[in-house]
Protein backbone atom coordinates (compact mmCIF):
# COMPACT_ATOMS: atom_id res chain seq x y z
CA MET A 1 51.45 95.66 62.68
CA ILE A 2 53.48 93.10 64.82
CA ASP A 3 51.59 90.15 66.82
CA HIS A 4 52.54 90.20 70.29
CA SER A 5 50.82 87.09 71.13
CA ASN A 6 54.30 85.20 71.30
CA LEU A 7 55.21 87.84 74.27
CA ALA A 8 52.82 85.36 76.69
CA GLY A 9 55.11 83.62 78.96
CA LYS A 10 57.90 85.00 78.28
CA ARG A 11 60.49 86.32 81.25
CA VAL A 12 62.30 90.11 80.59
CA LEU A 13 64.56 91.07 83.40
CA LEU A 14 65.06 95.08 82.64
CA VAL A 15 67.67 96.82 83.79
CA ILE A 16 66.70 100.55 84.56
CA ALA A 17 69.61 102.77 83.93
CA GLY A 18 69.67 106.88 85.09
CA GLY A 19 68.52 108.93 82.25
CA ILE A 20 64.84 111.03 82.20
CA ALA A 21 63.81 108.43 79.52
CA ALA A 22 63.54 105.80 82.83
CA TYR A 23 60.14 107.09 83.11
CA LYS A 24 59.14 105.22 79.99
CA CYS A 25 59.92 102.28 81.57
CA LEU A 26 56.78 102.56 83.91
CA GLU A 27 54.83 102.43 80.74
CA LEU A 28 56.95 99.26 79.50
CA ILE A 29 56.79 97.20 81.95
CA ARG A 30 52.57 97.66 82.25
CA ARG A 31 52.36 96.59 78.59
CA LEU A 32 54.90 94.04 79.06
CA ARG A 33 52.45 92.79 81.58
CA GLU A 34 48.99 93.08 79.68
CA ARG A 35 50.60 90.75 76.85
CA GLY A 36 51.20 88.00 79.36
CA CYS A 37 55.09 88.78 79.68
CA SER A 38 56.80 88.75 83.44
CA VAL A 39 59.18 91.27 84.42
CA ARG A 40 61.75 91.64 86.82
CA ALA A 41 63.87 95.02 87.28
CA ILE A 42 67.31 95.82 88.05
CA LEU A 43 67.15 99.58 89.04
CA THR A 44 70.22 101.36 89.06
CA ARG A 45 71.20 103.79 91.70
CA ALA A 46 71.34 106.44 88.68
CA GLY A 47 67.94 104.96 87.61
CA ALA A 48 66.21 105.30 91.29
CA GLN A 49 66.59 109.26 90.89
CA PHE A 50 64.13 109.11 88.03
CA VAL A 51 61.77 106.15 89.31
CA THR A 52 61.49 104.72 92.51
CA PRO A 53 61.63 101.31 93.72
CA LEU A 54 57.97 101.50 95.04
CA SER A 55 56.40 102.16 91.34
CA VAL A 56 58.61 99.79 89.75
CA GLN A 57 57.53 97.37 91.99
CA ALA A 58 54.30 98.20 92.00
CA LEU A 59 54.11 97.55 88.33
CA THR A 60 55.92 94.37 87.91
CA GLU A 61 54.70 92.93 91.43
CA ASP A 62 58.04 91.52 91.93
CA LYS A 63 60.80 92.45 94.21
CA VAL A 64 63.20 95.30 92.50
CA TYR A 65 67.44 94.55 92.43
CA GLN A 66 68.86 97.18 93.49
CA ASP A 67 72.61 95.99 95.37
CA LEU A 68 74.79 93.57 94.23
CA TRP A 69 75.96 93.17 98.18
CA SER A 70 72.72 92.56 99.44
CA LEU A 71 73.24 88.98 101.48
CA THR A 72 68.93 88.50 101.61
CA ASP A 73 69.42 89.02 97.58
CA GLU A 74 72.43 86.91 97.52
CA SER A 75 70.99 84.01 99.66
CA GLU A 76 67.54 83.99 97.69
CA MET A 77 68.40 84.78 94.15
CA GLY A 78 72.10 85.16 93.59
CA HIS A 79 73.24 87.73 90.57
CA ILE A 80 74.35 85.02 88.59
CA GLN A 81 70.59 83.04 88.59
CA LEU A 82 69.11 86.18 88.31
CA SER A 83 70.69 87.19 85.03
CA ARG A 84 69.84 83.46 83.56
CA SER A 85 66.66 83.11 84.81
CA ALA A 86 65.06 85.23 81.69
CA ASP A 87 64.53 84.82 78.14
CA LEU A 88 66.01 88.35 77.06
CA MET A 89 67.78 91.16 79.14
CA VAL A 90 66.54 94.70 77.91
CA VAL A 91 68.49 97.82 78.99
CA ALA A 92 66.26 100.67 78.97
CA PRO A 93 67.23 103.64 78.84
CA ALA A 94 70.66 102.43 77.96
CA THR A 95 72.88 105.48 79.00
CA ALA A 96 76.26 106.22 77.44
CA ASN A 97 77.83 105.47 80.84
CA ILE A 98 76.28 102.01 80.99
CA LEU A 99 76.86 101.17 77.47
CA ALA A 100 80.90 102.06 78.02
CA ARG A 101 80.80 99.91 80.80
CA MET A 102 79.11 96.88 79.00
CA ALA A 103 81.44 97.53 76.26
CA ALA A 104 84.50 97.29 78.87
CA GLY A 105 83.21 93.93 80.58
CA MET A 106 82.67 96.03 83.58
CA ALA A 107 81.11 94.36 86.65
CA ASP A 108 81.06 97.11 89.41
CA ASP A 109 77.45 96.95 90.32
CA LEU A 110 74.60 94.61 90.07
CA ALA A 111 73.57 96.03 86.81
CA THR A 112 76.59 95.37 84.83
CA THR A 113 77.57 92.24 86.84
CA ALA A 114 74.03 90.82 85.69
CA LEU A 115 74.79 92.20 82.26
CA LEU A 116 78.64 90.70 82.47
CA ALA A 117 76.98 86.99 83.93
CA THR A 118 74.19 86.45 81.49
CA ASP A 119 74.27 83.69 78.85
CA LYS A 120 70.61 85.45 77.75
CA PRO A 121 70.31 87.79 74.74
CA VAL A 122 70.35 91.51 75.41
CA LEU A 123 68.48 94.06 74.14
CA VAL A 124 69.63 98.23 74.60
CA ALA A 125 67.57 101.06 74.01
CA PRO A 126 69.73 103.54 74.00
CA ALA A 127 69.14 107.43 75.54
CA MET A 128 70.96 110.41 75.89
CA ASN A 129 71.71 113.86 74.34
CA MET A 130 72.50 113.94 70.95
CA ARG A 131 76.14 114.96 71.08
CA MET A 132 76.55 111.73 73.50
CA TRP A 133 75.08 109.87 71.06
CA LEU A 134 77.12 111.10 67.66
CA HIS A 135 80.72 110.97 69.70
CA PRO A 136 82.88 108.68 68.45
CA ALA A 137 83.34 106.77 71.71
CA THR A 138 79.55 105.91 71.82
CA GLN A 139 79.55 105.15 68.61
CA ALA A 140 82.48 102.83 68.95
CA ASN A 141 80.91 101.18 72.12
CA MET A 142 77.69 100.64 70.34
CA ASP A 143 79.26 98.66 67.44
CA LEU A 144 81.43 96.75 69.32
CA LEU A 145 78.32 95.56 71.53
CA VAL A 146 76.43 94.87 68.42
CA SER A 147 79.40 92.81 67.15
CA ARG A 148 79.33 90.77 70.12
CA GLY A 149 75.32 90.32 69.44
CA VAL A 150 73.81 92.49 71.24
CA LEU A 151 70.51 93.96 70.07
CA ARG A 152 69.22 97.52 69.60
CA VAL A 153 66.10 99.41 69.42
CA GLY A 154 66.20 103.18 68.42
CA PRO A 155 67.72 106.07 69.37
CA ASN A 156 65.04 108.44 67.78
CA GLU A 157 65.18 111.50 66.52
CA GLY A 158 63.51 114.38 68.13
CA GLU A 159 63.39 117.30 71.18
CA MET A 160 65.73 116.20 73.84
CA ALA A 161 64.73 117.22 77.78
CA CYS A 162 67.69 119.79 77.30
CA HIS A 163 65.70 121.25 74.17
CA GLU A 164 68.53 120.02 71.42
CA TYR A 165 66.98 118.24 68.58
CA GLY A 166 68.54 115.37 67.06
CA PRO A 167 68.89 111.34 67.82
CA GLY A 168 69.44 110.54 71.07
CA ARG A 169 65.37 109.68 72.14
CA MET A 170 64.99 106.52 73.56
CA ALA A 171 62.17 104.56 71.60
CA GLU A 172 58.93 104.49 72.78
CA PRO A 173 57.85 101.33 74.89
CA MET A 174 55.39 100.23 72.26
CA GLU A 175 58.58 100.10 69.80
CA ILE A 176 60.51 98.59 72.33
CA ILE A 177 57.95 95.79 72.66
CA ASP A 178 57.91 95.43 68.77
CA ALA A 179 61.63 94.87 69.34
CA ILE A 180 61.35 92.43 71.66
CA SER A 181 58.16 90.86 70.09
CA THR A 182 60.38 90.25 66.85
CA TYR A 183 63.53 89.02 68.77
CA PHE A 184 61.07 86.18 69.84
CA ALA A 185 59.54 85.56 66.68
CA GLU A 186 63.12 85.16 65.06
CA ARG A 187 64.50 82.92 67.83
CA ASP A 188 61.71 80.66 67.61
CA ALA A 189 60.84 80.55 63.69
CA PRO A 190 61.84 77.57 61.50
CA LYS A 191 65.44 77.08 60.71
CA PRO A 192 64.96 75.86 57.11
CA LEU A 193 68.97 76.25 56.67
CA ALA A 194 69.99 74.46 60.11
CA GLY A 195 72.82 71.92 59.13
CA ARG A 196 73.70 74.03 55.86
CA LYS A 197 76.93 75.78 55.51
CA ALA A 198 77.10 79.16 53.33
CA LEU A 199 80.04 81.51 52.10
CA VAL A 200 79.86 84.97 51.56
CA THR A 201 81.96 87.62 50.43
CA SER A 202 81.47 91.27 51.15
CA GLY A 203 83.06 94.79 50.87
CA PRO A 204 85.90 95.82 48.40
CA THR A 205 89.33 94.58 47.78
CA HIS A 206 92.30 97.19 48.53
CA GLU A 207 94.74 96.16 45.65
CA PRO A 208 98.33 97.83 46.65
CA ILE A 209 100.30 100.42 44.74
CA ASP A 210 103.00 101.09 47.35
CA PRO A 211 102.99 100.57 51.47
CA VAL A 212 100.32 103.74 51.65
CA ARG A 213 98.46 103.92 48.58
CA TYR A 214 95.87 100.88 47.00
CA ILE A 215 92.98 100.58 44.00
CA ALA A 216 89.75 99.77 45.53
CA ASN A 217 86.36 100.90 44.96
CA ARG A 218 83.41 102.47 46.76
CA SER A 219 81.80 99.30 47.85
CA SER A 220 80.41 99.55 51.66
CA GLY A 221 79.87 95.86 52.35
CA LYS A 222 76.50 96.65 53.39
CA GLN A 223 74.66 94.12 51.28
CA GLY A 224 77.07 91.37 51.98
CA HIS A 225 76.90 91.94 55.68
CA ALA A 226 73.41 91.89 55.66
CA ILE A 227 73.26 88.71 53.50
CA ALA A 228 75.67 86.61 55.99
CA ALA A 229 73.38 87.88 58.83
CA ALA A 230 70.04 86.63 56.97
CA LEU A 231 71.68 83.21 56.40
CA HIS A 232 73.01 82.71 59.89
CA ARG A 233 68.88 83.37 60.84
CA LEU A 234 67.87 80.88 58.87
CA GLY A 235 69.98 78.64 60.43
CA THR A 236 73.26 78.19 58.39
CA GLU A 237 76.97 77.97 59.34
CA VAL A 238 78.15 81.29 57.53
CA THR A 239 81.70 82.13 56.90
CA LEU A 240 82.47 86.12 55.46
CA VAL A 241 85.09 87.13 53.81
CA THR A 242 85.10 90.63 54.04
CA GLY A 243 87.39 93.30 52.66
CA PRO A 244 88.15 96.33 54.53
CA THR A 245 84.90 98.16 55.57
CA ARG A 246 83.60 100.09 58.49
CA LEU A 247 80.99 97.70 59.69
CA PRO A 248 80.68 95.21 62.78
CA ASP A 249 81.25 91.65 62.50
CA PRO A 250 77.63 90.21 61.84
CA PRO A 251 77.03 88.05 65.19
CA GLY A 252 76.74 84.51 64.93
CA CYS A 253 79.34 84.60 62.09
CA THR A 254 82.69 83.06 61.22
CA VAL A 255 84.62 86.02 59.95
CA ARG A 256 87.43 86.32 57.77
CA HIS A 257 89.30 89.77 57.11
CA ILE A 258 91.03 90.38 53.80
CA GLU A 259 92.63 92.78 52.11
CA SER A 260 93.22 92.13 48.51
CA ALA A 261 91.73 90.10 45.83
CA ARG A 262 94.08 87.01 46.10
CA ASP A 263 93.90 87.17 49.76
CA MET A 264 90.13 86.63 49.43
CA LEU A 265 90.45 83.85 46.79
CA ALA A 266 92.87 81.77 49.06
CA ALA A 267 90.21 82.45 51.90
CA CYS A 268 87.11 81.41 50.03
CA GLU A 269 88.65 78.13 48.47
CA ALA A 270 90.03 77.63 52.38
CA ALA A 271 85.65 77.71 53.32
CA LEU A 272 85.12 75.08 50.88
CA PRO A 273 83.15 72.56 50.74
CA VAL A 274 79.84 74.97 51.47
CA ASP A 275 76.34 74.55 50.28
CA VAL A 276 75.94 77.46 48.87
CA ALA A 277 78.21 80.56 48.20
CA VAL A 278 77.02 84.42 47.46
CA PHE A 279 79.91 86.74 46.20
CA ALA A 280 78.46 90.10 46.64
CA ALA A 281 82.07 91.38 47.28
CA ALA A 282 83.18 94.48 44.68
CA VAL A 283 86.59 92.76 43.94
CA ALA A 284 89.09 94.83 42.00
CA ASP A 285 89.39 93.35 38.25
CA TRP A 286 93.05 94.80 38.10
CA ARG A 287 96.38 95.21 40.27
CA VAL A 288 99.32 96.96 39.72
CA LYS A 289 101.43 94.00 38.78
CA ASP A 290 104.72 94.73 40.75
CA ALA A 291 103.52 96.81 43.71
CA CYS A 292 106.45 98.80 44.86
CA GLY A 293 107.63 98.33 48.22
CA ARG A 294 108.48 101.53 49.08
CA LYS A 295 106.64 104.93 49.20
CA LEU A 296 106.56 106.32 45.70
CA LYS A 297 108.10 109.82 45.29
CA LYS A 298 107.15 112.84 43.21
CA ASP A 299 110.09 113.63 40.99
CA SER A 300 110.72 116.13 38.08
CA GLY A 301 110.28 112.71 36.06
CA GLY A 302 106.51 113.23 36.09
CA PRO A 303 103.54 110.34 37.76
CA PRO A 304 105.14 106.53 37.59
CA VAL A 305 103.96 104.30 35.09
CA LEU A 306 101.46 101.75 36.56
CA GLU A 307 101.51 98.16 34.59
CA LEU A 308 98.17 96.59 35.77
CA CYS A 309 97.29 92.96 35.58
CA GLU A 310 94.09 91.01 35.94
CA ASN A 311 93.34 89.63 39.54
CA PRO A 312 92.04 85.83 40.08
CA ASP A 313 88.40 85.85 39.04
CA ILE A 314 87.23 84.34 42.13
CA LEU A 315 83.51 83.76 41.38
CA ALA A 316 84.66 81.71 37.99
CA THR A 317 87.22 79.79 40.05
CA VAL A 318 84.78 78.53 42.71
CA SER A 319 81.91 77.71 39.65
CA LYS A 320 84.46 75.72 38.16
CA SER A 321 86.10 73.99 41.65
CA PRO A 322 86.07 70.41 42.14
CA GLN A 323 84.10 71.50 45.85
CA ARG A 324 82.09 73.29 43.76
CA PRO A 325 78.60 74.61 46.03
CA ALA A 326 75.54 73.40 44.96
CA LEU A 327 74.46 76.70 44.53
CA VAL A 328 76.93 79.52 43.39
CA ILE A 329 75.51 82.82 43.39
CA GLY A 330 77.43 85.99 41.93
CA PHE A 331 76.45 90.15 41.85
CA ALA A 332 76.74 92.24 38.85
CA ALA A 333 77.52 95.54 39.90
CA GLU A 334 76.50 97.77 36.17
CA THR A 335 76.10 101.25 35.33
CA GLY A 336 73.96 100.63 32.44
CA ASN A 337 72.62 97.79 30.67
CA VAL A 338 72.31 96.44 33.68
CA VAL A 339 69.93 92.62 33.22
CA GLU A 340 71.64 92.37 29.55
CA TYR A 341 75.23 92.23 30.63
CA ALA A 342 74.15 90.43 34.10
CA ARG A 343 73.08 87.98 32.00
CA ALA A 344 76.04 87.31 30.16
CA LYS A 345 78.55 87.48 33.11
CA ARG A 346 76.07 84.47 34.67
CA VAL A 347 76.65 82.46 31.66
CA ARG A 348 80.48 83.46 30.99
CA LYS A 349 81.08 82.92 35.38
CA GLY A 350 79.30 79.65 35.00
CA CYS A 351 77.36 80.55 38.47
CA ASP A 352 73.89 79.30 38.83
CA TRP A 353 72.06 82.31 39.48
CA ILE A 354 73.61 86.38 39.57
CA VAL A 355 71.94 89.49 41.64
CA ALA A 356 72.21 92.60 39.56
CA ASN A 357 71.76 96.08 40.66
CA ASP A 358 72.85 99.30 39.16
CA VAL A 359 75.44 101.18 40.71
CA SER A 360 75.44 104.33 38.50
CA LEU A 361 76.10 107.68 40.32
CA GLY A 362 72.97 109.30 42.04
CA THR A 363 71.66 105.77 42.61
CA THR A 364 73.47 105.69 46.09
CA THR A 365 73.71 101.87 46.29
CA PHE A 366 77.54 101.79 46.97
CA GLY A 367 77.63 103.14 50.54
CA GLY A 368 73.86 103.83 50.91
CA SER A 369 71.14 101.98 52.71
CA ASP A 370 68.90 100.67 49.62
CA ASN A 371 69.05 98.62 46.70
CA THR A 372 67.21 97.77 43.56
CA VAL A 373 67.83 94.28 42.39
CA HIS A 374 67.23 91.76 39.44
CA LEU A 375 67.89 88.33 40.22
CA ILE A 376 68.52 86.03 37.26
CA ARG A 377 67.96 82.45 37.64
CA ALA A 378 69.89 79.54 35.83
CA ASP A 379 66.71 79.07 33.81
CA ASP A 380 67.34 83.04 32.63
CA THR A 381 64.50 83.79 34.32
CA VAL A 382 64.65 87.03 35.56
CA GLU A 383 62.90 88.66 39.08
CA ASP A 384 62.68 92.12 39.02
CA TRP A 385 62.69 93.21 43.02
CA PRO A 386 61.41 96.85 43.97
CA THR A 387 63.70 99.22 45.88
CA MET A 388 64.27 97.60 49.43
CA ASP A 389 66.58 98.90 52.24
CA LYS A 390 69.72 96.00 51.98
CA ASP A 391 68.24 94.34 54.99
CA ALA A 392 65.35 93.24 53.19
CA VAL A 393 67.07 92.29 50.07
CA ALA A 394 69.08 90.16 52.33
CA ALA A 395 65.90 88.49 53.85
CA ARG A 396 64.56 87.80 50.57
CA LEU A 397 67.59 86.25 48.54
CA ALA A 398 67.98 83.75 51.94
CA GLU A 399 64.70 82.94 51.99
CA SER A 400 64.96 82.19 48.05
CA ILE A 401 67.80 80.04 49.18
CA ALA A 402 65.98 78.04 51.42
CA ALA A 403 63.13 77.50 48.91
CA HIS A 404 65.67 76.56 46.31
CA LEU A 405 67.69 74.48 48.78
CA LYS A 406 64.89 72.70 50.39
CA GLY A 407 64.90 68.75 49.70
CA SER A 408 68.48 68.58 48.68
CA ILE A 409 71.26 66.72 50.11
CA SER A 410 74.22 68.59 51.62
C-alpha cells in the first residue's frame, strides 16, 4: 500500500475536461484534501456539462477557474501564475480532445493555455470510448506526450457508459492519488547517481541488404529504454543510443537514433567518457559485406548469394577503450545454457557484469513486458532474479549500479 503522507502541503492544479468520468473528480478532490493536499480547479466548458462549478468550489474551497478572458481572473491570478502556482498539474478526465490539443500545443481555452504555459509536471488520466482510445491518432498523441515527459495513469479496462467493454475507463480516484504520491516520492527521493553519466544501448540494429531489405532481430527495446529511464530517475545524465523501435524516447535522456551496428558503435564512442555503460541492445552479429545500392530483383538465376561479415563488437570495443567506463555491463540473450554461456561471454568481452536472459521461443522476452534475468558480477557470482516486468528489472539494476558506484570517484 502506498504511503500518501507526502501529499501534505502539496498543491495540485486539476483540469476537469468534458467526459462522463468527470464525476469521479469530486471524489478525487475530497480524497486529496483529506490528505492535506490543496487543490485548485480549472473546469472546461465541456467539463461543466458533467459537474457544476458550485460542487467543485465547495470541495476545493477555492475559486473555480473557467474563462481565459475574465479580466477579474487575469488581474488577480493570470493564466501564467495559475499554471505555475501548483506542484503538479493533473488532467482528469483526459479526453481524446484535450490530449490531441495538448499534443498539438494548442492554447484555445484556459485549460490548454495553462497546460502550455506551465513549467510543472503534468499527469493525465485518460478516459474515453475504447475505440477512441485505441485509435492510432490517440495512441500517437499519447506517445508524443509521454516522450515530452507527461505522466499517465490508466486507462483501465471495463464497461463503458456506452455499454462497450474494453480499455478507456478513467482510473479510480485512489489510483490517481497513488500516481500523484508516487510522483512526489520519486521527485523527492535521494539521487544516488547525481553527477554521474551513463551510456545505454537499446533495441535491434538493421543491417541493409539493399535499399529496402535488412537483417534484424525481434528486440523491442523495452528493456534498454527502461534501464535508461531508471538511471535517469536516480540522477544520472543518460545518453541512450537506440536502434529502430516503436517506443517513445525516455523523458530526460539524450537519445541518439541509429540504424546499423557501425552507427551504434560510432554513437557510443562519441558519448564517452561516462561512468557506467549498459549494453542492452541486441546488435546483429553479421552484416552483408557489400550491400546492394539498388533493390535486388528476382530472376531465373535463383536467390542472390549474400556474403556476410562480422559487425564490430561494441561491448568488447568499449570494454578495451582508453576511455573505458568504471562499470561496463553487457547483456547475453541466450536460448540454452543461459548462465554458462553468459559467464564465458563476460570473460571474452572483458566487461564487468553481464545480465543473462532466456530468449527462447515461448519466453516472450523479446517483445514482451516481462523478463527473467541472472546478474553475473566480476567475481563470477550469480544473482538469480525472479520474473519481473522490465521496468522492475531496470529499477533493480539501476539500484545495483548505484550501490556499486557509491563512493567511487568520477
